[in-house]
N, C-alpha and C. Protein backbone atom coordinates (compact mmCIF):
# COMPACT_ATOMS: atom_id res chain seq x y z
N UNK A 1 10.32 -22.23 1.04
CA UNK A 1 11.24 -22.39 2.14
C UNK A 1 10.65 -21.71 3.38
N UNK A 2 10.75 -22.39 4.54
CA UNK A 2 10.22 -21.82 5.77
C UNK A 2 11.25 -20.90 6.41
N UNK A 3 10.76 -19.83 7.03
CA UNK A 3 11.59 -18.87 7.73
C UNK A 3 10.80 -18.29 8.89
N UNK A 4 11.43 -17.59 9.79
CA UNK A 4 10.72 -16.96 10.91
C UNK A 4 10.04 -15.70 10.43
N UNK A 5 8.73 -15.61 10.67
CA UNK A 5 7.92 -14.48 10.21
C UNK A 5 7.21 -13.88 11.42
N UNK A 6 7.16 -12.56 11.52
CA UNK A 6 6.40 -11.88 12.56
C UNK A 6 5.00 -11.64 12.03
N UNK A 7 3.98 -12.09 12.77
CA UNK A 7 2.59 -12.05 12.32
C UNK A 7 1.80 -11.03 13.14
N UNK A 8 1.05 -10.16 12.49
CA UNK A 8 0.21 -9.16 13.13
C UNK A 8 -1.24 -9.40 12.75
N UNK A 9 -2.14 -9.24 13.72
CA UNK A 9 -3.56 -9.27 13.42
C UNK A 9 -4.29 -8.45 14.46
N UNK A 10 -5.39 -7.80 14.10
CA UNK A 10 -6.11 -6.98 15.07
C UNK A 10 -6.53 -7.82 16.27
N UNK A 11 -6.41 -7.24 17.45
CA UNK A 11 -6.83 -7.95 18.66
C UNK A 11 -8.36 -7.86 18.77
N UNK A 12 -9.04 -8.97 19.07
CA UNK A 12 -10.51 -8.97 19.15
C UNK A 12 -11.01 -8.49 20.52
N UNK A 13 -10.98 -7.17 20.74
CA UNK A 13 -11.43 -6.60 22.00
C UNK A 13 -12.90 -6.90 22.26
N UNK A 14 -13.26 -7.01 23.54
CA UNK A 14 -14.64 -7.21 23.96
C UNK A 14 -15.01 -6.09 24.94
N UNK A 15 -16.19 -5.46 24.78
CA UNK A 15 -16.62 -4.45 25.74
C UNK A 15 -16.58 -5.02 27.16
N UNK A 16 -16.10 -4.20 28.09
CA UNK A 16 -15.98 -4.62 29.48
C UNK A 16 -14.61 -5.19 29.81
N UNK A 17 -13.80 -5.44 28.81
CA UNK A 17 -12.46 -6.00 29.02
C UNK A 17 -11.55 -4.96 29.67
N UNK A 18 -10.80 -5.38 30.67
CA UNK A 18 -9.82 -4.53 31.34
C UNK A 18 -8.47 -4.82 30.73
N UNK A 19 -7.80 -3.76 30.26
CA UNK A 19 -6.53 -3.95 29.56
C UNK A 19 -5.45 -3.05 30.15
N UNK A 20 -4.20 -3.39 29.89
CA UNK A 20 -3.04 -2.56 30.24
C UNK A 20 -2.20 -2.42 28.99
N UNK A 21 -1.97 -1.18 28.57
CA UNK A 21 -1.10 -0.91 27.43
C UNK A 21 0.28 -0.64 28.00
N UNK A 22 1.25 -1.45 27.60
CA UNK A 22 2.55 -1.47 28.24
C UNK A 22 3.46 -0.30 27.87
N UNK A 23 3.30 0.27 26.67
CA UNK A 23 4.21 1.35 26.28
C UNK A 23 3.51 2.31 25.32
N UNK A 24 4.15 3.44 25.10
CA UNK A 24 3.63 4.42 24.16
C UNK A 24 2.79 5.49 24.84
N UNK A 25 2.26 6.42 24.05
CA UNK A 25 1.51 7.55 24.62
C UNK A 25 0.21 7.15 25.31
N UNK A 26 -0.31 5.98 25.04
CA UNK A 26 -1.57 5.52 25.66
C UNK A 26 -1.31 4.53 26.79
N UNK A 27 -0.07 4.49 27.27
CA UNK A 27 0.34 3.56 28.31
C UNK A 27 -0.57 3.66 29.53
N UNK A 28 -0.92 2.50 30.09
CA UNK A 28 -1.69 2.48 31.33
C UNK A 28 -2.88 1.55 31.29
N UNK A 29 -3.71 1.67 32.33
CA UNK A 29 -4.90 0.83 32.47
C UNK A 29 -6.09 1.47 31.75
N UNK A 30 -6.89 0.61 31.12
CA UNK A 30 -8.07 1.06 30.37
C UNK A 30 -9.19 0.04 30.48
N UNK A 31 -10.42 0.52 30.33
CA UNK A 31 -11.59 -0.33 30.20
C UNK A 31 -12.09 -0.18 28.77
N UNK A 32 -12.34 -1.30 28.11
CA UNK A 32 -12.87 -1.27 26.74
C UNK A 32 -14.37 -1.00 26.83
N UNK A 33 -14.81 0.10 26.20
CA UNK A 33 -16.23 0.44 26.19
C UNK A 33 -16.92 -0.05 24.92
N UNK A 34 -16.23 0.09 23.78
CA UNK A 34 -16.82 -0.31 22.50
C UNK A 34 -15.70 -0.56 21.50
N UNK A 35 -16.00 -1.37 20.50
CA UNK A 35 -15.02 -1.63 19.45
C UNK A 35 -15.73 -2.12 18.20
N UNK A 36 -15.17 -1.75 17.07
CA UNK A 36 -15.62 -2.29 15.79
C UNK A 36 -14.40 -2.44 14.91
N UNK A 37 -14.58 -2.61 13.62
CA UNK A 37 -13.45 -2.84 12.73
C UNK A 37 -12.51 -1.64 12.64
N UNK A 38 -13.02 -0.43 12.92
CA UNK A 38 -12.21 0.77 12.72
C UNK A 38 -11.88 1.53 14.00
N UNK A 39 -12.77 1.54 14.99
CA UNK A 39 -12.59 2.36 16.18
C UNK A 39 -12.59 1.53 17.46
N UNK A 40 -11.83 2.03 18.43
CA UNK A 40 -11.75 1.43 19.75
C UNK A 40 -12.03 2.55 20.75
N UNK A 41 -13.01 2.36 21.63
CA UNK A 41 -13.34 3.36 22.64
C UNK A 41 -12.92 2.82 23.99
N UNK A 42 -12.03 3.57 24.65
CA UNK A 42 -11.49 3.18 25.95
C UNK A 42 -11.83 4.23 26.99
N UNK A 43 -11.90 3.79 28.26
CA UNK A 43 -12.14 4.69 29.37
C UNK A 43 -11.03 4.53 30.40
N UNK A 44 -10.50 5.66 30.88
CA UNK A 44 -9.52 5.64 31.95
C UNK A 44 -10.26 5.31 33.25
N UNK A 45 -9.83 4.29 34.01
CA UNK A 45 -10.53 3.92 35.23
C UNK A 45 -10.36 4.93 36.37
N UNK A 46 -9.40 5.85 36.25
CA UNK A 46 -9.16 6.85 37.29
C UNK A 46 -9.96 8.12 37.01
N UNK A 47 -9.74 8.72 35.85
CA UNK A 47 -10.41 9.98 35.50
C UNK A 47 -11.79 9.78 34.90
N UNK A 48 -12.09 8.56 34.45
CA UNK A 48 -13.35 8.22 33.76
C UNK A 48 -13.48 8.90 32.40
N UNK A 49 -12.41 9.53 31.91
CA UNK A 49 -12.45 10.14 30.58
C UNK A 49 -12.48 9.04 29.53
N UNK A 50 -13.18 9.30 28.44
CA UNK A 50 -13.33 8.33 27.35
C UNK A 50 -12.64 8.86 26.10
N UNK A 51 -12.03 7.94 25.36
CA UNK A 51 -11.33 8.28 24.13
C UNK A 51 -11.68 7.25 23.07
N UNK A 52 -11.91 7.72 21.85
CA UNK A 52 -12.11 6.83 20.70
C UNK A 52 -10.94 7.04 19.75
N UNK A 53 -10.28 5.96 19.43
CA UNK A 53 -9.12 6.01 18.54
C UNK A 53 -9.29 4.99 17.42
N UNK A 54 -8.61 5.25 16.31
CA UNK A 54 -8.50 4.21 15.28
C UNK A 54 -7.83 3.02 15.94
N UNK A 55 -8.22 1.82 15.55
CA UNK A 55 -7.64 0.61 16.14
C UNK A 55 -6.12 0.65 16.02
N UNK A 56 -5.45 0.34 17.11
CA UNK A 56 -3.99 0.44 17.13
C UNK A 56 -3.32 -0.74 17.82
N UNK A 57 -4.07 -1.62 18.46
CA UNK A 57 -3.48 -2.75 19.17
C UNK A 57 -3.55 -4.00 18.31
N UNK A 58 -2.45 -4.71 18.25
CA UNK A 58 -2.38 -5.92 17.46
C UNK A 58 -1.73 -7.03 18.27
N UNK A 59 -2.20 -8.24 18.03
CA UNK A 59 -1.57 -9.42 18.61
C UNK A 59 -0.38 -9.77 17.73
N UNK A 60 0.71 -10.13 18.33
CA UNK A 60 1.92 -10.43 17.57
C UNK A 60 2.48 -11.78 18.01
N UNK A 61 2.94 -12.54 17.05
CA UNK A 61 3.65 -13.77 17.34
C UNK A 61 4.71 -13.98 16.29
N UNK A 62 5.66 -14.81 16.61
CA UNK A 62 6.65 -15.23 15.61
C UNK A 62 6.42 -16.71 15.37
N UNK A 63 6.47 -17.10 14.11
CA UNK A 63 6.28 -18.51 13.78
C UNK A 63 7.05 -18.86 12.51
N UNK A 64 7.27 -20.12 12.37
CA UNK A 64 7.93 -20.62 11.17
C UNK A 64 6.86 -20.88 10.10
N UNK A 65 7.04 -20.30 8.94
CA UNK A 65 6.09 -20.52 7.85
C UNK A 65 6.74 -20.18 6.53
N UNK A 66 6.04 -20.53 5.47
CA UNK A 66 6.50 -20.18 4.13
C UNK A 66 6.46 -18.67 3.97
N UNK A 67 7.48 -18.13 3.33
CA UNK A 67 7.49 -16.69 3.08
C UNK A 67 8.29 -16.41 1.82
N UNK A 68 7.78 -15.65 0.88
CA UNK A 68 6.48 -15.02 0.90
C UNK A 68 5.37 -16.03 0.61
N UNK A 69 4.15 -15.69 1.09
CA UNK A 69 3.02 -16.58 0.83
C UNK A 69 2.43 -16.25 -0.52
N UNK A 70 1.64 -17.15 -1.03
CA UNK A 70 1.00 -16.92 -2.32
C UNK A 70 -0.47 -16.57 -2.17
N UNK A 71 -0.91 -16.33 -0.94
CA UNK A 71 -2.33 -16.00 -0.69
C UNK A 71 -2.64 -14.56 -1.04
């Protein structure tokens, strides 16, 4: 049976990408310096300080699909 499901997946950041985090403790403008499967390195465009964090940004959508899946 199909139902509305919220889907999360890691966002595929690219070095040089300019991003804005809309809420939370990391709210604001950032430049992506580096990224891999586990870490994301961002730079504040004002202070030029750099931070490496465990990946925390995800793309989200709602869609109709079978739930639970058998995959």
